[in-house]
Amino acid sequence: MKRIMLFIACMALWGLCNAQKGYHITGNLGQLQQDTFYLVVPNLNGTVNVLGVSILKEGNLEFKGQVPEPVMATIMTSDRQGMIPLMLENTDYSIQIGAESIEVEGGTEQADFNQFNALQREAKKQQQKLQSDMKTAYEDANQMRVQALSGQAQKFMQNMQKRQTEIVKENANTSTAAYIVLTCGLQAPVEQLQELYNLLGEQAKSSVYGRIIAAQLSELGRVAVDKVAPDFTVNSPEGKPISLHGIKAKAKLVDFWASWCGPCRAENPNVIRLYKKYHDKGLEVLGVSL
């Protein structure tokens, strides 16, 4: 009986020690000149919490600590150069310089985040190529090429969204899945964000990112169909303030666009035609360049 009680006591002690284990990050960054790195967690207001400081020794860095729940963290220099993102949980991490980027290994959350990161790198390469091709097509005044590239861009974005959704489904109960929904879904219509949020498990919904999404969905309810659009004020190119509610019109179209956005540029002529056709009947267009 004493042996059984001793065994139970040892197992309880082992479980307590294991539960209290924190994170341990080690890595080699080669011949980098910067010698001080910081492990930080960003706050919603744009500031950061510094979890640790590491001074490179022969290219090696090390961080130790503990977090209450998995959270997106970044290893960076004081001038924010060479930033290394990682999904931080209480486990061991190793960092090495890879062929195309700095690779981070460690923990199930990081493994999921690595999938997402690889997808983001692929998306960035494709977007850069499409933007370069679109710029060339505009300079050549090749409208057929512009339309074709716009179609390619649309299909590409749909494919990326599909693959992101697959990652969320496969890892639905992780903080990483909630983080992916947060970073990819906040620019989406409220209905699409709600669909992505519904894919998450209860543990993911209760994570810090799941809670942010829930708050965002509540806020987006204010701009749902049939709701009065909230007022906002922007400056014109001449510096004159323009408010949405201050514009006198029977109907208002708010067009958010950017000069580097191929699909936006392709849509500009349609917005102009719409304005010319209905302006005399009370339509105004507020174009907001990003």
Protein backbone atom coordinates (compact mmCIF):
# COMPACT_ATOMS: atom_id res chain seq x y z
CA MET A 1 0.00 0.00 0.00
CA LYS A 2 2.87 2.35 0.88
CA ARG A 3 4.49 1.61 -2.49
CA ILE A 4 1.25 2.49 -4.29
CA MET A 5 0.92 5.76 -2.37
CA LEU A 6 4.56 6.60 -3.09
CA PHE A 7 4.01 5.89 -6.79
CA ILE A 8 0.91 8.13 -6.86
CA ALA A 9 2.80 10.89 -5.04
CA CYS A 10 5.70 10.68 -7.52
CA MET A 11 3.33 10.79 -10.49
CA ALA A 12 1.54 13.82 -9.02
CA LEU A 13 4.87 15.57 -8.49
CA TRP A 14 5.95 14.72 -12.05
CA GLY A 15 2.68 16.10 -13.41
CA LEU A 16 3.08 19.31 -11.40
CA CYS A 17 6.64 19.84 -12.62
CA ASN A 18 5.61 19.07 -16.19
CA ALA A 19 2.70 21.52 -16.01
CA GLN A 20 5.02 24.25 -14.75
CA LYS A 21 7.52 23.74 -17.58
CA GLY A 22 7.88 26.85 -19.72
CA TYR A 23 9.29 27.57 -23.14
CA HIS A 24 12.97 27.25 -24.07
CA ILE A 25 14.09 28.83 -27.34
CA THR A 26 17.55 28.20 -28.74
CA GLY A 27 18.98 28.95 -32.15
CA ASN A 28 21.93 29.95 -34.26
CA LEU A 29 21.62 33.02 -36.49
CA GLY A 30 25.02 32.70 -38.12
CA GLN A 31 27.11 35.81 -38.69
CA LEU A 32 24.45 38.45 -37.97
CA GLN A 33 25.97 41.75 -36.86
CA GLN A 34 23.17 42.68 -34.45
CA ASP A 35 24.00 41.26 -31.03
CA THR A 36 20.83 41.94 -28.98
CA PHE A 37 17.46 40.33 -29.67
CA TYR A 38 14.12 40.74 -27.92
CA LEU A 39 11.25 38.28 -27.54
CA VAL A 40 8.06 40.34 -27.69
CA VAL A 41 4.30 39.84 -27.84
CA PRO A 42 2.37 42.60 -29.66
CA ASN A 43 -0.58 44.32 -27.97
CA LEU A 44 -3.70 45.43 -29.78
CA ASN A 45 -2.80 49.11 -29.25
CA GLY A 46 0.44 48.76 -31.25
CA THR A 47 2.78 48.45 -28.26
CA VAL A 48 4.63 45.27 -27.30
CA ASN A 49 5.32 43.27 -24.15
CA VAL A 50 8.98 42.29 -23.87
CA LEU A 51 9.21 38.72 -22.56
CA GLY A 52 12.99 38.39 -22.74
CA VAL A 53 16.31 39.70 -24.02
CA SER A 54 19.11 37.61 -25.53
CA ILE A 55 22.63 38.71 -26.43
CA LEU A 56 24.14 36.69 -29.25
CA LYS A 57 27.18 34.59 -28.36
CA GLU A 58 28.90 33.22 -31.46
CA GLY A 59 25.59 33.51 -33.29
CA ASN A 60 23.61 31.66 -30.61
CA LEU A 61 20.55 33.05 -28.85
CA GLU A 62 18.41 31.72 -26.01
CA PHE A 63 15.15 32.65 -24.33
CA LYS A 64 13.41 31.03 -21.35
CA GLY A 65 10.07 31.79 -19.75
CA GLN A 66 6.45 30.80 -19.48
CA VAL A 67 3.19 31.87 -21.11
CA PRO A 68 -0.36 31.25 -19.82
CA GLU A 69 -1.60 30.24 -23.27
CA PRO A 70 -0.24 29.96 -26.83
CA VAL A 71 0.37 33.39 -28.30
CA MET A 72 1.94 34.90 -31.42
CA ALA A 73 5.37 36.27 -30.50
CA THR A 74 8.24 37.81 -32.42
CA ILE A 75 12.00 37.73 -31.99
CA MET A 76 13.43 41.01 -33.24
CA THR A 77 16.19 43.57 -32.89
CA SER A 78 15.67 47.01 -31.35
CA ASP A 79 15.35 48.51 -34.85
CA ARG A 80 12.79 45.82 -35.81
CA GLN A 81 15.09 44.23 -38.39
CA GLY A 82 15.23 40.48 -39.06
CA MET A 83 11.98 39.73 -37.25
CA ILE A 84 11.22 36.05 -36.55
CA PRO A 85 7.56 35.21 -35.80
CA LEU A 86 6.65 32.10 -33.81
CA MET A 87 3.56 30.66 -32.14
CA LEU A 88 4.81 30.61 -28.55
CA GLU A 89 3.71 27.90 -26.12
CA ASN A 90 5.43 26.18 -23.22
CA THR A 91 7.72 23.85 -25.14
CA ASP A 92 11.20 23.70 -26.68
CA TYR A 93 12.04 25.57 -29.89
CA SER A 94 15.00 25.51 -32.25
CA ILE A 95 15.79 28.25 -34.79
CA GLN A 96 18.00 27.79 -37.83
CA ILE A 97 18.71 29.77 -40.99
CA GLY A 98 17.07 27.90 -43.89
CA ALA A 99 17.46 28.17 -47.65
CA GLU A 100 14.78 30.87 -48.09
CA SER A 101 14.00 32.00 -44.55
CA ILE A 102 14.74 31.46 -40.88
CA GLU A 103 13.07 28.21 -39.83
CA VAL A 104 11.44 27.68 -36.42
CA GLU A 105 10.65 24.18 -35.12
CA GLY A 106 8.96 23.16 -31.89
CA GLY A 107 5.49 22.39 -30.60
CA THR A 108 2.24 21.47 -32.33
CA GLU A 109 1.10 25.10 -32.59
CA GLN A 110 4.33 26.06 -34.39
CA ALA A 111 3.96 23.13 -36.79
CA ASP A 112 0.53 24.44 -37.77
CA PHE A 113 1.86 27.97 -38.04
CA ASN A 114 4.68 26.76 -40.31
CA GLN A 115 2.06 25.46 -42.75
CA PHE A 116 0.38 28.85 -42.77
CA ASN A 117 3.73 30.64 -43.10
CA ALA A 118 4.71 28.56 -46.13
CA LEU A 119 1.37 29.40 -47.74
CA GLN A 120 1.91 33.10 -47.03
CA ARG A 121 5.37 33.03 -48.61
CA GLU A 122 3.95 31.36 -51.70
CA ALA A 123 1.16 33.94 -51.86
CA LYS A 124 3.61 36.82 -51.57
CA LYS A 125 5.70 35.54 -54.48
CA GLN A 126 2.63 35.10 -56.68
CA GLN A 127 1.24 38.52 -55.75
CA GLN A 128 4.52 40.24 -56.56
CA LYS A 129 4.60 38.57 -59.97
CA LEU A 130 0.97 39.45 -60.72
CA GLN A 131 1.52 43.07 -59.67
CA SER A 132 4.62 43.32 -61.86
CA ASP A 133 2.77 41.82 -64.84
CA MET A 134 -0.21 44.12 -64.19
CA LYS A 135 2.06 47.19 -64.10
CA THR A 136 3.59 46.19 -67.44
CA ALA A 137 0.16 45.61 -68.97
CA TYR A 138 -1.02 49.07 -67.85
CA GLU A 139 2.11 50.72 -69.24
CA ASP A 140 1.53 48.95 -72.55
CA ALA A 141 -2.18 49.91 -72.48
CA ASN A 142 -2.98 46.23 -73.04
CA GLN A 143 -6.55 46.03 -71.73
CA MET A 144 -7.01 42.39 -72.70
CA ARG A 145 -3.91 41.49 -70.71
CA VAL A 146 -5.19 43.57 -67.76
CA GLN A 147 -8.50 41.72 -67.79
CA ALA A 148 -6.77 38.33 -68.04
CA LEU A 149 -4.45 39.15 -65.14
CA SER A 150 -7.40 40.37 -63.07
CA GLY A 151 -9.06 37.01 -63.62
CA GLN A 152 -5.87 35.21 -62.61
CA ALA A 153 -5.62 37.33 -59.47
CA GLN A 154 -9.21 36.52 -58.51
CA LYS A 155 -8.69 32.77 -59.00
CA PHE A 156 -5.42 32.94 -57.09
CA MET A 157 -7.07 34.64 -54.10
CA GLN A 158 -9.91 32.11 -54.11
CA ASN A 159 -7.40 29.26 -54.10
CA MET A 160 -5.44 30.85 -51.22
CA GLN A 161 -8.61 31.31 -49.20
CA LYS A 162 -9.56 27.68 -49.81
CA ARG A 163 -6.17 26.44 -48.63
CA GLN A 164 -6.26 28.69 -45.56
CA THR A 165 -9.70 27.31 -44.70
CA GLU A 166 -8.35 23.77 -45.02
CA ILE A 167 -5.58 24.54 -42.51
CA VAL A 168 -8.18 25.93 -40.09
CA LYS A 169 -10.40 22.85 -40.47
CA GLU A 170 -7.51 20.46 -39.93
CA ASN A 171 -6.39 22.26 -36.76
CA ALA A 172 -9.73 23.66 -35.60
CA ASN A 173 -9.08 23.53 -31.86
CA THR A 174 -5.73 25.33 -31.78
CA SER A 175 -4.78 28.93 -31.05
CA THR A 176 -3.01 28.95 -34.41
CA ALA A 177 -6.29 28.26 -36.22
CA ALA A 178 -7.91 31.18 -34.38
CA TYR A 179 -4.91 33.36 -35.27
CA ILE A 180 -5.25 32.43 -38.96
CA VAL A 181 -8.95 33.27 -38.92
CA LEU A 182 -8.12 36.58 -37.23
CA THR A 183 -5.39 37.62 -39.68
CA CYS A 184 -7.17 36.40 -42.83
CA GLY A 185 -10.78 37.00 -41.91
CA LEU A 186 -10.85 40.56 -40.62
CA GLN A 187 -10.73 41.92 -44.17
CA ALA A 188 -13.54 39.57 -45.22
CA PRO A 189 -17.30 40.29 -45.15
CA VAL A 190 -18.91 39.60 -41.79
CA GLU A 191 -20.69 36.52 -43.16
CA GLN A 192 -17.39 34.98 -44.28
CA LEU A 193 -15.70 35.79 -40.96
CA GLN A 194 -18.61 34.21 -39.12
CA GLU A 195 -18.30 31.04 -41.24
CA LEU A 196 -14.57 30.81 -40.46
CA TYR A 197 -15.23 31.42 -36.75
CA ASN A 198 -17.83 28.64 -36.73
CA LEU A 199 -15.13 26.20 -37.92
CA LEU A 200 -13.17 26.71 -34.69
CA GLY A 201 -13.41 24.37 -31.72
CA GLU A 202 -14.32 25.60 -28.24
CA GLN A 203 -10.68 25.70 -27.11
CA ALA A 204 -9.73 27.86 -30.11
CA LYS A 205 -12.72 30.15 -29.52
CA SER A 206 -11.66 30.67 -25.91
CA SER A 207 -8.07 31.56 -26.94
CA VAL A 208 -6.94 35.19 -26.99
CA TYR A 209 -7.47 35.31 -30.77
CA GLY A 210 -10.84 33.60 -30.58
CA ARG A 211 -11.98 36.24 -28.08
CA ILE A 212 -10.80 39.04 -30.38
CA ILE A 213 -12.73 37.53 -33.30
CA ALA A 214 -15.90 37.25 -31.19
CA ALA A 215 -15.58 40.93 -30.24
CA GLN A 216 -14.98 41.85 -33.89
CA LEU A 217 -18.07 39.95 -35.02
CA SER A 218 -20.12 41.84 -32.47
CA GLU A 219 -18.69 45.12 -33.78
CA LEU A 220 -19.25 44.14 -37.43
CA GLY A 221 -22.89 43.56 -36.63
CA ARG A 222 -23.20 47.34 -36.65
CA VAL A 223 -22.38 47.45 -40.38
CA ALA A 224 -24.50 44.48 -41.44
CA VAL A 225 -27.04 44.73 -44.26
CA ASP A 226 -29.92 47.11 -43.37
CA LYS A 227 -27.83 48.88 -40.70
CA VAL A 228 -26.91 52.56 -40.99
CA ALA A 229 -23.25 52.80 -41.99
CA PRO A 230 -21.13 54.36 -39.21
CA ASP A 231 -19.76 57.79 -39.96
CA PHE A 232 -16.05 58.37 -40.59
CA THR A 233 -13.93 61.27 -41.77
CA VAL A 234 -11.02 61.23 -44.23
CA ASN A 235 -9.00 64.00 -45.86
CA SER A 236 -9.15 64.78 -49.57
CA PRO A 237 -5.88 65.04 -51.57
CA GLU A 238 -6.08 68.78 -50.84
CA GLY A 239 -6.33 68.12 -47.09
CA LYS A 240 -10.04 68.93 -46.79
CA PRO A 241 -11.97 66.72 -44.28
CA ILE A 242 -14.80 64.70 -45.82
CA SER A 243 -17.27 62.76 -43.68
CA LEU A 244 -19.51 60.00 -44.97
CA HIS A 245 -22.63 61.38 -43.27
CA GLY A 246 -21.74 64.90 -44.41
CA ILE A 247 -22.10 63.97 -48.09
CA LYS A 248 -25.53 64.95 -49.40
CA ALA A 249 -26.95 62.21 -51.64
CA LYS A 250 -29.84 59.78 -52.04
CA ALA A 251 -27.37 56.89 -52.35
CA LYS A 252 -23.67 56.70 -51.47
CA LEU A 253 -21.10 54.23 -52.75
CA VAL A 254 -17.90 53.93 -50.70
CA ASP A 255 -15.10 52.49 -52.84
CA PHE A 256 -11.96 51.36 -50.99
CA TRP A 257 -9.16 50.81 -53.49
CA ALA A 258 -5.39 51.07 -54.01
CA SER A 259 -3.21 51.97 -56.99
CA TRP A 260 -1.20 48.73 -56.60
CA CYS A 261 -4.34 46.54 -56.57
CA GLY A 262 -4.93 45.06 -60.03
CA PRO A 263 -8.60 44.11 -59.52
CA CYS A 264 -9.25 47.57 -58.02
CA ARG A 265 -7.78 49.33 -61.05
CA ALA A 266 -9.73 47.09 -63.38
CA GLU A 267 -12.93 48.03 -61.54
CA ASN A 268 -12.28 51.81 -61.60
CA PRO A 269 -13.84 52.35 -65.08
CA ASN A 270 -17.00 50.55 -63.94
CA VAL A 271 -17.30 52.83 -60.90
CA ILE A 272 -16.89 55.88 -63.14
CA ARG A 273 -19.60 54.62 -65.54
CA LEU A 274 -21.91 53.99 -62.58
CA TYR A 275 -21.27 57.52 -61.29
CA LYS A 276 -21.95 59.14 -64.66
CA LYS A 277 -25.14 57.14 -65.15
CA TYR A 278 -26.72 57.80 -61.75
CA HIS A 279 -25.15 60.98 -60.39
CA ASP A 280 -27.98 63.17 -61.68
CA LYS A 281 -30.42 60.89 -59.83
CA GLY A 282 -28.65 61.35 -56.51
CA LEU A 283 -25.65 59.00 -56.42
CA GLU A 284 -22.33 60.07 -54.89
CA VAL A 285 -19.14 58.03 -54.80
CA LEU A 286 -16.57 58.34 -52.02
CA GLY A 287 -13.33 56.76 -53.22
CA VAL A 288 -10.90 55.98 -50.41
CA SER A 289 -7.37 55.18 -51.60
CA LEU A 290 -5.42 52.84 -49.33
